[in-house]
C-alpha atoms as a PDB file:
ATOM      1  CA  MET A   1      23.271  53.050  -2.646  1.00  0.00           C
ATOM      2  CA  ARG A   2      21.040  53.084  -5.705  1.00  0.00           C
ATOM      3  CA  GLY A   3      23.973  51.998  -7.822  1.00  0.00           C
ATOM      4  CA  SER A   4      24.606  48.923  -5.644  1.00  0.00           C
ATOM      5  CA  PHE A   5      20.925  47.995  -5.227  1.00  0.00           C
ATOM      6  CA  LEU A   6      20.193  47.293  -8.877  1.00  0.00           C
ATOM      7  CA  PRO A   7      22.942  44.716  -9.390  1.00  0.00           C
ATOM      8  CA  LEU A   8      21.914  42.971  -6.169  1.00  0.00           C
ATOM      9  CA  PHE A   9      18.284  42.910  -7.310  1.00  0.00           C
ATOM     10  CA  LEU A  10      19.287  41.482 -10.650  1.00  0.00           C
ATOM     11  CA  PHE A  11      21.473  38.883  -8.949  1.00  0.00           C
ATOM     12  CA  VAL A  12      18.581  37.692  -6.734  1.00  0.00           C
ATOM     13  CA  PHE A  13      16.257  37.629  -9.725  1.00  0.00           C
ATOM     14  CA  LEU A  14      18.689  35.556 -11.746  1.00  0.00           C
ATOM     15  CA  ILE A  15      19.231  33.094  -8.885  1.00  0.00           C
ATOM     16  CA  GLN A  16      15.477  32.662  -8.377  1.00  0.00           C
ATOM     17  CA  GLY A  17      15.067  32.142 -12.104  1.00  0.00           C
ATOM     18  CA  ALA A  18      17.770  29.481 -12.105  1.00  0.00           C
ATOM     19  CA  VAL A  19      16.133  27.667  -9.178  1.00  0.00           C
ATOM     20  CA  PHE A  20      12.769  27.799 -10.971  1.00  0.00           C
ATOM     21  CA  ALA A  21      14.360  26.349 -14.090  1.00  0.00           C
ATOM     22  CA  ASP A  22      16.027  23.605 -12.049  1.00  0.00           C
ATOM     23  CA  ASP A  23      12.697  22.701 -10.424  1.00  0.00           C
ATOM     24  CA  GLN A  24      10.967  22.604 -13.787  1.00  0.00           C
ATOM     25  CA  ALA A  25      13.705  20.358 -15.166  1.00  0.00           C
ATOM     26  CA  LEU A  26      13.490  18.017 -12.155  1.00  0.00           C
ATOM     27  CA  ARG A  27       9.707  17.881 -12.422  1.00  0.00           C
ATOM     28  CA  GLN A  28       9.922  17.015 -16.117  1.00  0.00           C
ATOM     29  CA  LYS A  29      12.603  14.441 -15.376  1.00  0.00           C
ATOM     30  CA  ALA A  30      10.339  12.754 -12.818  1.00  0.00           C
ATOM     31  CA  LEU A  31       7.410  12.646 -15.225  1.00  0.00           C
ATOM     32  CA  GLN A  32       9.582  11.235 -18.005  1.00  0.00           C
ATOM     33  CA  ALA A  33      10.808   8.547 -15.599  1.00  0.00           C
ATOM     34  CA  GLY A  34       7.218   7.321 -15.222  1.00  0.00           C
ATOM     35  CA  LEU A  35       6.332   8.969 -11.922  1.00  0.00           C
ATOM     36  CA  ALA A  36       2.946  10.666 -11.640  1.00  0.00           C
ATOM     37  CA  PRO A  37       0.728  12.416  -9.078  1.00  0.00           C
ATOM     38  CA  LEU A  38      -1.642  10.186  -7.150  1.00  0.00           C
ATOM     39  CA  PRO A  39      -5.264  10.680  -8.264  1.00  0.00           C
ATOM     40  CA  ALA A  40      -7.814  11.511  -5.592  1.00  0.00           C
ATOM     41  CA  VAL A  41     -10.117   8.729  -6.841  1.00  0.00           C
ATOM     42  CA  ALA A  42      -9.278   5.133  -7.763  1.00  0.00           C
ATOM     43  CA  PRO A  43     -10.781   3.449 -10.835  1.00  0.00           C
ATOM     44  CA  GLU A  44     -13.858   1.323 -10.174  1.00  0.00           C
ATOM     45  CA  ALA A  45     -13.847  -2.408 -10.769  1.00  0.00           C
ATOM     46  CA  ALA A  46     -15.957  -3.222 -13.813  1.00  0.00           C
ATOM     47  CA  ASP A  47     -17.993  -5.853 -11.962  1.00  0.00           C
ATOM     48  CA  ASN A  48     -18.282  -3.969  -8.676  1.00  0.00           C
ATOM     49  CA  PRO A  49     -19.940  -0.556  -9.058  1.00  0.00           C
ATOM     50  CA  VAL A  50     -19.403   1.552  -5.974  1.00  0.00           C
ATOM     51  CA  THR A  51     -22.361   3.036  -4.092  1.00  0.00           C
ATOM     52  CA  PRO A  52     -22.527   4.877  -0.753  1.00  0.00           C
ATOM     53  CA  GLN A  53     -24.434   1.941   0.754  1.00  0.00           C
ATOM     54  CA  LYS A  54     -21.821  -0.562  -0.394  1.00  0.00           C
ATOM     55  CA  ILE A  55     -18.958   1.585   0.904  1.00  0.00           C
ATOM     56  CA  GLN A  56     -20.600   1.875   4.318  1.00  0.00           C
ATOM     57  CA  LEU A  57     -21.242  -1.868   4.473  1.00  0.00           C
ATOM     58  CA  GLY A  58     -17.651  -2.543   3.410  1.00  0.00           C
ATOM     59  CA  LYS A  59     -16.393  -0.252   6.154  1.00  0.00           C
ATOM     60  CA  ARG A  60     -18.335  -2.201   8.776  1.00  0.00           C
ATOM     61  CA  LEU A  61     -17.030  -5.486   7.393  1.00  0.00           C
ATOM     62  CA  PHE A  62     -13.449  -4.147   7.299  1.00  0.00           C
ATOM     63  CA  PHE A  63     -13.657  -3.553  11.066  1.00  0.00           C
ATOM     64  CA  GLU A  64     -15.752  -6.684  11.798  1.00  0.00           C
ATOM     65  CA  PRO A  65     -13.703  -9.138  13.938  1.00  0.00           C
ATOM     66  CA  ARG A  66     -16.417 -11.775  13.698  1.00  0.00           C
ATOM     67  CA  LEU A  67     -15.330 -12.444  10.126  1.00  0.00           C
ATOM     68  CA  SER A  68     -12.605 -14.449  11.860  1.00  0.00           C
ATOM     69  CA  LYS A  69     -13.055 -17.799  13.565  1.00  0.00           C
ATOM     70  CA  SER A  70     -11.870 -16.367  16.890  1.00  0.00           C
ATOM     71  CA  GLY A  71     -14.003 -13.235  16.700  1.00  0.00           C
ATOM     72  CA  LEU A  72     -10.836 -11.243  17.394  1.00  0.00           C
ATOM     73  CA  ILE A  73      -9.230 -10.506  14.020  1.00  0.00           C
ATOM     74  CA  SER A  74     -10.584  -8.044  11.493  1.00  0.00           C
ATOM     75  CA  CYS A  75      -9.124  -6.689   8.251  1.00  0.00           C
ATOM     76  CA  ASN A  76      -8.044  -3.665  10.279  1.00  0.00           C
ATOM     77  CA  THR A  77      -5.981  -5.874  12.596  1.00  0.00           C
ATOM     78  CA  CYS A  78      -3.314  -6.410   9.933  1.00  0.00           C
ATOM     79  CA  HIS A  79      -4.115  -3.311   7.850  1.00  0.00           C
ATOM     80  CA  ASN A  80      -4.534  -0.775  10.625  1.00  0.00           C
ATOM     81  CA  LEU A  81      -5.839   2.460   9.138  1.00  0.00           C
ATOM     82  CA  GLY A  82      -4.359   4.442  12.023  1.00  0.00           C
ATOM     83  CA  MET A  83      -0.866   3.026  11.431  1.00  0.00           C
ATOM     84  CA  GLY A  84      -0.207   3.537   7.725  1.00  0.00           C
ATOM     85  CA  GLY A  85      -2.547   0.763   6.603  1.00  0.00           C
ATOM     86  CA  ASP A  86      -0.441  -2.124   7.926  1.00  0.00           C
ATOM     87  CA  ASP A  87       0.355  -3.606  11.346  1.00  0.00           C
ATOM     88  CA  ASN A  88       3.998  -2.502  11.784  1.00  0.00           C
ATOM     89  CA  LEU A  89       5.073  -6.092  12.496  1.00  0.00           C
ATOM     90  CA  PRO A  90       7.654  -8.167  10.621  1.00  0.00           C
ATOM     91  CA  THR A  91       4.893 -10.636   9.766  1.00  0.00           C
ATOM     92  CA  SER A  92       1.295 -10.559  10.934  1.00  0.00           C
ATOM     93  CA  VAL A  93      -0.018 -12.596  13.869  1.00  0.00           C
ATOM     94  CA  GLY A  94      -3.151 -14.559  13.052  1.00  0.00           C
ATOM     95  CA  HIS A  95      -5.419 -17.249  14.485  1.00  0.00           C
ATOM     96  CA  GLY A  96      -3.948 -19.146  17.430  1.00  0.00           C
ATOM     97  CA  TRP A  97      -0.959 -16.757  17.510  1.00  0.00           C
ATOM     98  CA  HIS A  98       0.337 -18.149  14.239  1.00  0.00           C
ATOM     99  CA  LYS A  99       2.828 -15.877  12.520  1.00  0.00           C
ATOM    100  CA  GLY A 100       2.217 -15.318   8.846  1.00  0.00           C
ATOM    101  CA  PRO A 101       4.964 -15.915   6.287  1.00  0.00           C
ATOM    102  CA  ARG A 102       5.168 -12.354   4.936  1.00  0.00           C
ATOM    103  CA  ASN A 103       4.946  -8.717   5.918  1.00  0.00           C
ATOM    104  CA  ALA A 104       1.461  -7.202   5.533  1.00  0.00           C
ATOM    105  CA  PRO A 105       1.389  -4.608   2.701  1.00  0.00           C
ATOM    106  CA  THR A 106      -0.430  -1.344   3.281  1.00  0.00           C
ATOM    107  CA  VAL A 107      -4.055  -1.201   2.207  1.00  0.00           C
ATOM    108  CA  TYR A 108      -3.813   2.517   1.418  1.00  0.00           C
ATOM    109  CA  ASN A 109      -3.753   3.116  -2.350  1.00  0.00           C
ATOM    110  CA  ALA A 110      -3.859  -0.649  -2.962  1.00  0.00           C
ATOM    111  CA  ALA A 111      -6.524  -0.032  -5.601  1.00  0.00           C
ATOM    112  CA  PHE A 112      -3.789   1.362  -7.862  1.00  0.00           C
ATOM    113  CA  ASN A 113      -1.661  -1.801  -7.716  1.00  0.00           C
ATOM    114  CA  ARG A 114      -1.572  -4.100 -10.718  1.00  0.00           C
ATOM    115  CA  ALA A 115      -2.267  -7.065  -8.431  1.00  0.00           C
ATOM    116  CA  GLN A 116      -2.432  -7.800  -4.712  1.00  0.00           C
ATOM    117  CA  PHE A 117      -0.081  -9.667  -2.342  1.00  0.00           C
ATOM    118  CA  TRP A 118       3.697  -9.815  -2.676  1.00  0.00           C
ATOM    119  CA  ASP A 119       3.405 -12.566  -5.279  1.00  0.00           C
ATOM    120  CA  GLY A 120       0.453 -11.050  -7.140  1.00  0.00           C
ATOM    121  CA  ARG A 121      -1.794 -14.053  -6.629  1.00  0.00           C
ATOM    122  CA  ALA A 122      -4.951 -11.913  -6.333  1.00  0.00           C
ATOM    123  CA  LYS A 123      -5.935  -9.797  -9.309  1.00  0.00           C
ATOM    124  CA  ASP A 124      -7.945  -7.211  -7.377  1.00  0.00           C
ATOM    125  CA  LEU A 125      -9.081  -6.027  -3.946  1.00  0.00           C
ATOM    126  CA  GLU A 126     -12.089  -8.333  -3.920  1.00  0.00           C
ATOM    127  CA  GLN A 127     -10.079 -11.458  -4.644  1.00  0.00           C
ATOM    128  CA  GLN A 128      -7.479 -10.381  -2.084  1.00  0.00           C
ATOM    129  CA  ALA A 129     -10.097 -10.099   0.651  1.00  0.00           C
ATOM    130  CA  LYS A 130     -11.087 -13.750   0.228  1.00  0.00           C
ATOM    131  CA  GLY A 131      -7.625 -15.012   1.106  1.00  0.00           C
ATOM    132  CA  PRO A 132      -7.047 -13.838   4.697  1.00  0.00           C
ATOM    133  CA  ILE A 133     -10.592 -14.723   5.807  1.00  0.00           C
ATOM    134  CA  GLN A 134     -10.009 -18.370   4.872  1.00  0.00           C
ATOM    135  CA  ALA A 135      -6.269 -18.696   5.583  1.00  0.00           C
ATOM    136  CA  ALA A 136      -5.576 -20.980   8.556  1.00  0.00           C
ATOM    137  CA  ALA A 137      -2.784 -18.727   9.836  1.00  0.00           C
ATOM    138  CA  GLU A 138      -4.875 -15.568   9.521  1.00  0.00           C
ATOM    139  CA  MET A 139      -8.640 -15.413  10.168  1.00  0.00           C
ATOM    140  CA  ALA A 140      -9.171 -19.189   9.805  1.00  0.00           C
ATOM    141  CA  ASN A 141     -12.842 -18.959   8.874  1.00  0.00           C
ATOM    142  CA  THR A 142     -15.023 -20.488   6.162  1.00  0.00           C
ATOM    143  CA  PRO A 143     -17.395 -18.780   3.712  1.00  0.00           C
ATOM    144  CA  ASP A 144     -20.344 -20.727   5.129  1.00  0.00           C
ATOM    145  CA  GLN A 145     -19.646 -19.605   8.684  1.00  0.00           C
ATOM    146  CA  VAL A 146     -19.142 -16.012   7.563  1.00  0.00           C
ATOM    147  CA  VAL A 147     -22.538 -16.041   5.865  1.00  0.00           C
ATOM    148  CA  GLN A 148     -24.148 -17.698   8.893  1.00  0.00           C
ATOM    149  CA  MET A 149     -22.705 -15.015  11.151  1.00  0.00           C
ATOM    150  CA  LEU A 150     -23.955 -12.180   8.971  1.00  0.00           C
ATOM    151  CA  LYS A 151     -27.426 -13.638   8.469  1.00  0.00           C
ATOM    152  CA  SER A 152     -27.796 -14.037  12.226  1.00  0.00           C
ATOM    153  CA  MET A 153     -27.936 -10.239  12.656  1.00  0.00           C
ATOM    154  CA  PRO A 154     -30.917  -8.394  11.104  1.00  0.00           C
ATOM    155  CA  GLU A 155     -28.891  -5.207  10.614  1.00  0.00           C
ATOM    156  CA  TYR A 156     -26.432  -6.936   8.315  1.00  0.00           C
ATOM    157  CA  VAL A 157     -29.247  -8.546   6.322  1.00  0.00           C
ATOM    158  CA  ALA A 158     -30.804  -5.116   5.771  1.00  0.00           C
ATOM    159  CA  TRP A 159     -27.474  -3.520   4.830  1.00  0.00           C
ATOM    160  CA  PHE A 160     -26.722  -6.226   2.283  1.00  0.00           C
ATOM    161  CA  ARG A 161     -30.170  -5.749   0.722  1.00  0.00           C
ATOM    162  CA  GLU A 162     -29.503  -2.015   0.422  1.00  0.00           C
ATOM    163  CA  SER A 163     -26.057  -2.597  -1.081  1.00  0.00           C
ATOM    164  CA  PHE A 164     -27.048  -5.354  -3.521  1.00  0.00           C
ATOM    165  CA  PRO A 165     -30.715  -4.608  -4.318  1.00  0.00           C
ATOM    166  CA  SER A 166     -30.866  -6.759  -7.463  1.00  0.00           C
ATOM    167  CA  ASP A 167     -29.516  -9.887  -5.741  1.00  0.00           C
ATOM    168  CA  PRO A 168     -32.291 -12.227  -4.505  1.00  0.00           C
ATOM    169  CA  ASP A 169     -29.987 -13.621  -1.793  1.00  0.00           C
ATOM    170  CA  PRO A 170     -27.566 -10.748  -1.149  1.00  0.00           C
ATOM    171  CA  VAL A 171     -25.844 -12.107   1.974  1.00  0.00           C
ATOM    172  CA  ASN A 172     -23.210 -14.262   0.330  1.00  0.00           C
ATOM    173  CA  PHE A 173     -19.436 -14.517   0.446  1.00  0.00           C
ATOM    174  CA  ASP A 174     -18.859 -12.886  -2.952  1.00  0.00           C
ATOM    175  CA  ASN A 175     -20.825  -9.839  -1.841  1.00  0.00           C
ATOM    176  CA  VAL A 176     -18.846  -9.697   1.406  1.00  0.00           C
ATOM    177  CA  VAL A 177     -15.614  -9.180  -0.485  1.00  0.00           C
ATOM    178  CA  LYS A 178     -17.231  -6.853  -3.027  1.00  0.00           C
ATOM    179  CA  ALA A 179     -18.316  -4.579  -0.196  1.00  0.00           C
ATOM    180  CA  ILE A 180     -14.871  -4.692   1.412  1.00  0.00           C
ATOM    181  CA  GLY A 181     -13.287  -3.933  -1.968  1.00  0.00           C
ATOM    182  CA  ALA A 182     -15.611  -0.957  -2.477  1.00  0.00           C
ATOM    183  CA  PHE A 183     -14.556   0.493   0.885  1.00  0.00           C
ATOM    184  CA  GLU A 184     -10.864  -0.170   0.285  1.00  0.00           C
ATOM    185  CA  SER A 185     -11.054   1.559  -3.102  1.00  0.00           C
ATOM    186  CA  LYS A 186     -11.707   4.783  -1.180  1.00  0.00           C
ATOM    187  CA  LEU A 187      -8.585   4.466   0.982  1.00  0.00           C
ATOM    188  CA  ILE A 188      -6.567   6.912  -1.097  1.00  0.00           C
ATOM    189  CA  THR A 189      -3.927   9.310   0.264  1.00  0.00           C
ATOM    190  CA  PRO A 190      -3.456  12.178  -2.202  1.00  0.00           C
ATOM    191  CA  GLY A 191      -1.825  15.513  -1.423  1.00  0.00           C
ATOM    192  CA  ALA A 192       1.673  14.274  -0.567  1.00  0.00           C
ATOM    193  CA  PRO A 193       4.472  16.859  -0.880  1.00  0.00           C
ATOM    194  CA  PHE A 194       5.701  14.945  -3.944  1.00  0.00           C
ATOM    195  CA  ASP A 195       2.274  15.256  -5.569  1.00  0.00           C
ATOM    196  CA  ARG A 196       2.223  18.987  -4.880  1.00  0.00           C
ATOM    197  CA  PHE A 197       5.688  19.310  -6.410  1.00  0.00           C
ATOM    198  CA  LEU A 198       4.659  17.427  -9.559  1.00  0.00           C
ATOM    199  CA  ASN A 199       1.616  19.687  -9.797  1.00  0.00           C
ATOM    200  CA  GLY A 200       3.778  22.801  -9.815  1.00  0.00           C
ATOM    201  CA  ALA A 201       4.504  23.746  -6.183  1.00  0.00           C
ATOM    202  CA  ASP A 202       8.291  24.227  -6.270  1.00  0.00           C
ATOM    203  CA  ASN A 203       8.581  24.643  -2.493  1.00  0.00           C
ATOM    204  CA  ALA A 204       6.668  21.447  -1.666  1.00  0.00           C
ATOM    205  CA  LEU A 205       9.961  19.532  -1.483  1.00  0.00           C
ATOM    206  CA  SER A 206      12.987  20.507   0.569  1.00  0.00           C
ATOM    207  CA  PRO A 207      16.395  20.832  -1.164  1.00  0.00           C
ATOM    208  CA  GLU A 208      17.372  17.478   0.376  1.00  0.00           C
ATOM    209  CA  GLN A 209      14.214  15.810  -0.958  1.00  0.00           C
ATOM    210  CA  LYS A 210      14.829  17.248  -4.417  1.00  0.00           C
ATOM    211  CA  ASP A 211      18.360  15.864  -4.363  1.00  0.00           C
ATOM    212  CA  GLY A 212      16.895  12.533  -3.257  1.00  0.00           C
ATOM    213  CA  LEU A 213      14.376  12.553  -6.101  1.00  0.00           C
ATOM    214  CA  ALA A 214      17.140  13.217  -8.618  1.00  0.00           C
ATOM    215  CA  LEU A 215      19.200  10.349  -7.155  1.00  0.00           C
ATOM    216  CA  PHE A 216      16.123   8.067  -7.128  1.00  0.00           C
ATOM    217  CA  ILE A 217      15.809   8.621 -10.876  1.00  0.00           C
ATOM    218  CA  ASP A 218      19.496   8.734 -11.821  1.00  0.00           C
ATOM    219  CA  ARG A 219      20.403   5.602  -9.866  1.00  0.00           C
ATOM    220  CA  GLY A 220      17.668   3.636 -11.640  1.00  0.00           C
ATOM    221  CA  CYS A 221      15.107   3.148  -8.856  1.00  0.00           C
ATOM    222  CA  THR A 222      12.296   4.196 -11.186  1.00  0.00           C
ATOM    223  CA  ALA A 223      12.921   1.142 -13.378  1.00  0.00           C
ATOM    224  CA  CYS A 224      10.878  -0.813 -10.797  1.00  0.00           C
ATOM    225  CA  HIS A 225       9.218   1.895  -8.712  1.00  0.00           C
ATOM    226  CA  ASN A 226       7.135   4.007 -11.058  1.00  0.00           C
ATOM    227  CA  GLY A 227       3.533   4.957 -11.778  1.00  0.00           C
ATOM    228  CA  VAL A 228       1.151   6.777  -9.457  1.00  0.00           C
ATOM    229  CA  ASN A 229       1.861   4.318  -6.630  1.00  0.00           C
ATOM    230  CA  VAL A 230       5.655   4.434  -7.147  1.00  0.00           C
ATOM    231  CA  GLY A 231       5.660   0.657  -7.543  1.00  0.00           C
ATOM    232  CA  GLY A 232       3.129  -2.151  -7.351  1.00  0.00           C
ATOM    233  CA  GLN A 233       3.011  -2.602 -11.137  1.00  0.00           C
ATOM    234  CA  ALA A 234       5.477  -5.360 -12.026  1.00  0.00           C
ATOM    235  CA  TYR A 235       7.517  -8.287 -10.680  1.00  0.00           C
ATOM    236  CA  PHE A 236      11.279  -8.464 -10.251  1.00  0.00           C
ATOM    237  CA  PRO A 237      13.835 -10.835  -8.729  1.00  0.00           C
ATOM    238  CA  PHE A 238      14.843  -9.757  -5.229  1.00  0.00           C
ATOM    239  CA  GLY A 239      18.598  -9.805  -5.482  1.00  0.00           C
ATOM    240  CA  LEU A 240      18.759  -8.989  -9.187  1.00  0.00           C
ATOM    241  CA  ILE A 241      22.449  -8.088  -8.868  1.00  0.00           C
ATOM    242  CA  LYS A 242      23.408  -9.288  -5.394  1.00  0.00           C
ATOM    243  CA  ARG A 243      21.218 -11.556  -3.280  1.00  0.00           C
ATOM    244  CA  PRO A 244      20.621 -10.274   0.280  1.00  0.00           C
ATOM    245  CA  GLY A 245      21.325 -12.479   3.292  1.00  0.00           C
ATOM    246  CA  ALA A 246      18.920 -15.180   4.434  1.00  0.00           C
ATOM    247  CA  ASP A 247      17.535 -12.912   7.161  1.00  0.00           C
ATOM    248  CA  ILE A 248      16.182 -10.501   4.534  1.00  0.00           C
ATOM    249  CA  LEU A 249      15.552 -13.065   1.765  1.00  0.00           C
ATOM    250  CA  PRO A 250      14.505 -16.322   3.478  1.00  0.00           C
ATOM    251  CA  PRO A 251      15.527 -19.159   1.142  1.00  0.00           C
ATOM    252  CA  GLU A 252      12.312 -21.121   1.723  1.00  0.00           C
ATOM    253  CA  ASP A 253      10.100 -18.302   0.370  1.00  0.00           C
ATOM    254  CA  LYS A 254      10.520 -18.374  -3.402  1.00  0.00           C
ATOM    255  CA  GLY A 255       7.931 -15.694  -4.066  1.00  0.00           C
ATOM    256  CA  ARG A 256       6.013 -15.825  -7.325  1.00  0.00           C
ATOM    257  CA  PHE A 257       7.412 -19.275  -8.110  1.00  0.00           C
ATOM    258  CA  ALA A 258       4.715 -20.731  -5.827  1.00  0.00           C
ATOM    259  CA  ILE A 259       2.081 -19.310  -8.175  1.00  0.00           C
ATOM    260  CA  THR A 260       3.611 -19.971 -11.593  1.00  0.00           C
ATOM    261  CA  GLN A 261       5.924 -22.936 -10.897  1.00  0.00           C
ATOM    262  CA  SER A 262       8.302 -21.334 -13.397  1.00  0.00           C
ATOM    263  CA  ALA A 263      12.004 -21.476 -12.540  1.00  0.00           C
ATOM    264  CA  SER A 264      12.398 -17.920 -13.814  1.00  0.00           C
ATOM    265  CA  ASP A 265      10.050 -16.744 -11.049  1.00  0.00           C
ATOM    266  CA  GLU A 266      12.137 -18.021  -8.142  1.00  0.00           C
ATOM    267  CA  TYR A 267      12.581 -15.220  -5.602  1.00  0.00           C
ATOM    268  CA  VAL A 268      10.525 -12.876  -7.770  1.00  0.00           C
ATOM    269  CA  PHE A 269       8.234 -10.455  -5.937  1.00  0.00           C
ATOM    270  CA  ARG A 270       6.052  -7.505  -6.826  1.00  0.00           C
ATOM    271  CA  ALA A 271       7.922  -4.206  -6.575  1.00  0.00           C
ATOM    272  CA  ALA A 272       6.584  -2.675  -3.388  1.00  0.00           C
ATOM    273  CA  PRO A 273       4.453   0.454  -3.838  1.00  0.00           C
ATOM    274  CA  LEU A 274       6.290   3.229  -1.996  1.00  0.00           C
ATOM    275  CA  ARG A 275       3.432   5.577  -1.170  1.00  0.00           C
ATOM    276  CA  ASN A 276       3.489   6.280   2.601  1.00  0.00           C
ATOM    277  CA  VAL A 277       6.565   4.060   2.938  1.00  0.00           C
ATOM    278  CA  ALA A 278       7.882   6.188   5.805  1.00  0.00           C
ATOM    279  CA  LEU A 279       4.896   4.950   7.854  1.00  0.00           C
ATOM    280  CA  THR A 280       5.080   1.247   7.061  1.00  0.00           C
ATOM    281  CA  ALA A 281       8.244  -0.160   8.629  1.00  0.00           C
ATOM    282  CA  PRO A 282       9.499  -2.867   8.783  1.00  0.00           C
ATOM    283  CA  TYR A 283      10.355  -3.359   5.131  1.00  0.00           C
ATOM    284  CA  PHE A 284      10.498  -6.076   2.470  1.00  0.00           C
ATOM    285  CA  HIS A 285       8.345  -9.202   2.313  1.00  0.00           C
ATOM    286  CA  SER A 286      10.284 -10.622   5.269  1.00  0.00           C
ATOM    287  CA  GLY A 287       9.828  -7.502   7.389  1.00  0.00           C
ATOM    288  CA  GLN A 288      13.376  -7.645   8.697  1.00  0.00           C
ATOM    289  CA  VAL A 289      14.596  -4.074   8.084  1.00  0.00           C
ATOM    290  CA  TRP A 290      13.171  -1.349  10.299  1.00  0.00           C
ATOM    291  CA  ASP A 291      15.139   1.680   9.109  1.00  0.00           C
ATOM    292  CA  LEU A 292      14.169   3.312   5.808  1.00  0.00           C
ATOM    293  CA  LYS A 293      17.687   4.453   4.986  1.00  0.00           C
ATOM    294  CA  GLN A 294      18.964   0.929   5.610  1.00  0.00           C
ATOM    295  CA  ALA A 295      16.262  -0.397   3.265  1.00  0.00           C
ATOM    296  CA  VAL A 296      17.505   2.032   0.606  1.00  0.00           C
ATOM    297  CA  LEU A 297      21.068   0.763   1.044  1.00  0.00           C
ATOM    298  CA  VAL A 298      19.895  -2.860   0.748  1.00  0.00           C
ATOM    299  CA  MET A 299      17.981  -2.120  -2.440  1.00  0.00           C
ATOM    300  CA  GLY A 300      20.904  -0.221  -3.926  1.00  0.00           C
ATOM    301  CA  ALA A 301      23.207  -3.203  -3.490  1.00  0.00           C
ATOM    302  CA  ALA A 302      20.672  -5.956  -4.273  1.00  0.00           C
ATOM    303  CA  GLN A 303      18.831  -4.450  -7.232  1.00  0.00           C
ATOM    304  CA  LEU A 304      21.190  -1.886  -8.726  1.00  0.00           C
ATOM    305  CA  GLY A 305      24.615  -3.197  -7.816  1.00  0.00           C
ATOM    306  CA  ALA A 306      25.329   0.260  -6.417  1.00  0.00           C
ATOM    307  CA  GLU A 307      27.112   0.951  -3.169  1.00  0.00           C
ATOM    308  CA  LEU A 308      25.238   4.086  -2.208  1.00  0.00           C
ATOM    309  CA  SER A 309      27.000   6.488   0.115  1.00  0.00           C
ATOM    310  CA  ASP A 310      25.470   7.348   3.461  1.00  0.00           C
ATOM    311  CA  GLU A 311      24.666  10.834   2.140  1.00  0.00           C
ATOM    312  CA  GLU A 312      22.960   9.452  -0.961  1.00  0.00           C
ATOM    313  CA  ALA A 313      20.870   7.005   1.071  1.00  0.00           C
ATOM    314  CA  THR A 314      19.890   9.795   3.463  1.00  0.00           C
ATOM    315  CA  LYS A 315      18.718  11.985   0.591  1.00  0.00           C
ATOM    316  CA  ILE A 316      16.763   9.179  -1.104  1.00  0.00           C
ATOM    317  CA  ALA A 317      15.095   8.315   2.225  1.00  0.00           C
ATOM    318  CA  ALA A 318      14.208  11.999   2.622  1.00  0.00           C
ATOM    319  CA  PHE A 319      12.563  11.945  -0.807  1.00  0.00           C
ATOM    320  CA  LEU A 320      10.629   8.794   0.122  1.00  0.00           C
ATOM    321  CA  GLY A 321       9.289  10.695   3.117  1.00  0.00           C
ATOM    322  CA  SER A 322       7.694  13.141   0.669  1.00  0.00           C
ATOM    323  CA  LEU A 323       5.427  10.313  -0.537  1.00  0.00           C
ATOM    324  CA  THR A 324       3.368  10.445   2.675  1.00  0.00           C
ATOM    325  CA  GLY A 325      -0.100  11.656   1.690  1.00  0.00           C
ATOM    326  CA  VAL A 326      -3.246  12.735   3.510  1.00  0.00           C
ATOM    327  CA  ALA A 327      -5.212   9.722   4.740  1.00  0.00           C
ATOM    328  CA  PRO A 328      -9.010   9.922   4.859  1.00  0.00           C
ATOM    329  CA  GLU A 329     -10.531  10.389   8.291  1.00  0.00           C
ATOM    330  CA  ILE A 330     -12.120   7.106   9.330  1.00  0.00           C
ATOM    331  CA  ILE A 331     -14.573   6.908  12.224  1.00  0.00           C
ATOM    332  CA  TYR A 332     -14.812   3.454  13.779  1.00  0.00           C
ATOM    333  CA  PRO A 333     -18.245   2.054  12.931  1.00  0.00           C
ATOM    334  CA  LYS A 334     -20.814   0.746  15.384  1.00  0.00           C
ATOM    335  CA  LEU A 335     -21.326  -2.972  14.731  1.00  0.00           C
ATOM    336  CA  PRO A 336     -24.461  -5.061  15.374  1.00  0.00           C
ATOM    337  CA  VAL A 337     -24.902  -7.091  18.559  1.00  0.00           C
ATOM    338  CA  GLU A 338     -24.784 -10.866  18.100  1.00  0.00           C
ATOM    339  CA  THR A 339     -27.908 -13.016  18.458  1.00  0.00           C
ATOM    340  CA  ASP A 340     -28.532 -16.577  19.623  1.00  0.00           C
ATOM    341  CA  GLU A 341     -27.853 -17.736  16.048  1.00  0.00           C
ATOM    342  CA  THR A 342     -24.455 -16.052  15.774  1.00  0.00           C
ATOM    343  CA  PRO A 343     -21.582 -18.580  15.716  1.00  0.00           C
ATOM    344  CA  ARG A 344     -19.601 -18.465  18.946  1.00  0.00           C
ATOM    345  CA  PRO A 345     -15.896 -17.562  18.940  1.00  0.00           C
ATOM    346  CA  GLN A 346     -13.490 -20.479  18.542  1.00  0.00           C
ATOM    347  CA  LEU A 347     -10.098 -19.625  19.962  1.00  0.00           C
END
C-alpha cells in the first residue's frame, strides 16, 4: 500500500499545483484586462467634504418624499436600496404616473462612475441629484419649493446648520444635493466573490464563474466594461456591430446625441457598470430584457459581432453573478413632521 500511496499523493499535489497556477494566471489576466477590486471607500468630491452630520442629513433627504411635488416620491423610490439600488422597472414611474424615458441605473457604487445618467449629462452625484427633483416626469418640484419645505421644519434647519456650519444660509438647493451626494458616496458594495478572487482567494469563484471570467475577457467584454465598477467609465455606440431591434434600442432615443448634438454620438450610451448586475433587471437603457443570460447574448451580437453559444452565455452570466457585493445596512430614518408652513402635496 505504501508503494501506491506516494504516487497518488504526488498526483494530487501536482493537480492542486496546476489549479493554483491556473487561478494565478486568470487573476493576472483579469488585472491586465483593466479589472480591479472594488475599494471599500469612494473618493470624496473636492468641493463636498464628507462629514458624519452631512451623511446623516443626506440619508434623511434620500428617503424624503416631500422633495417631490406630490409628497410621494423620494430618491429611494427609483433607487431602492433594498432592491439593488434601482426600482426593477423597465422605466421609472414619476409624478402623475408618467413613465420616464430610461431605465433607472443603480445608485450603489455610482460614486465610481465617470459621470452619471446613461448619457453622462451629470458630472457627479451632486449634479445628478438636481435632475430628478426638477424633472416634470419624475419628482416635478422646484428648488424654491424644496427650500420652503425644508425651512418649514425646525429639525431640518438645525441639521443643515450642523452639516454646513460655515454657510450663513445653509438651507439651500445646492446644499440639498451636496448632502444627498455625501450619503450616496457611502453606498459601496465591496466583498463580492470576484473581489475576493482578485485579492487571492482562489475558491471565491466556482469553476463555471472562472470559465465565465475567462470568456468575458477573451471575447472582448472588458474593452467597455472595465475598472473597479466593471463599466461606467466611457461611452460607446449601442449596436457597434449589429443594431438591436427597436424594442431594445428605441429609435427616438439617440442617447448622448441629445447632449452633444454631434452626429457621431447618435445612439451612444455610457457602458453600464456591472457591479450587482444580477440584482438590477431589467437591462439596458430601455429596460426591455429581464434575463441576464439573454442580455449577454444581445451584447455579444450587438457589440462584439459574436454569436455566443448558450453554454458561453450561461458561464458569462454566472461570472456576472460574482459581482454582487455586500450592501451596507441602511435603517430607514425618522423624518420630521410637517408644520403649517410646509407646502401641501400636489398630486
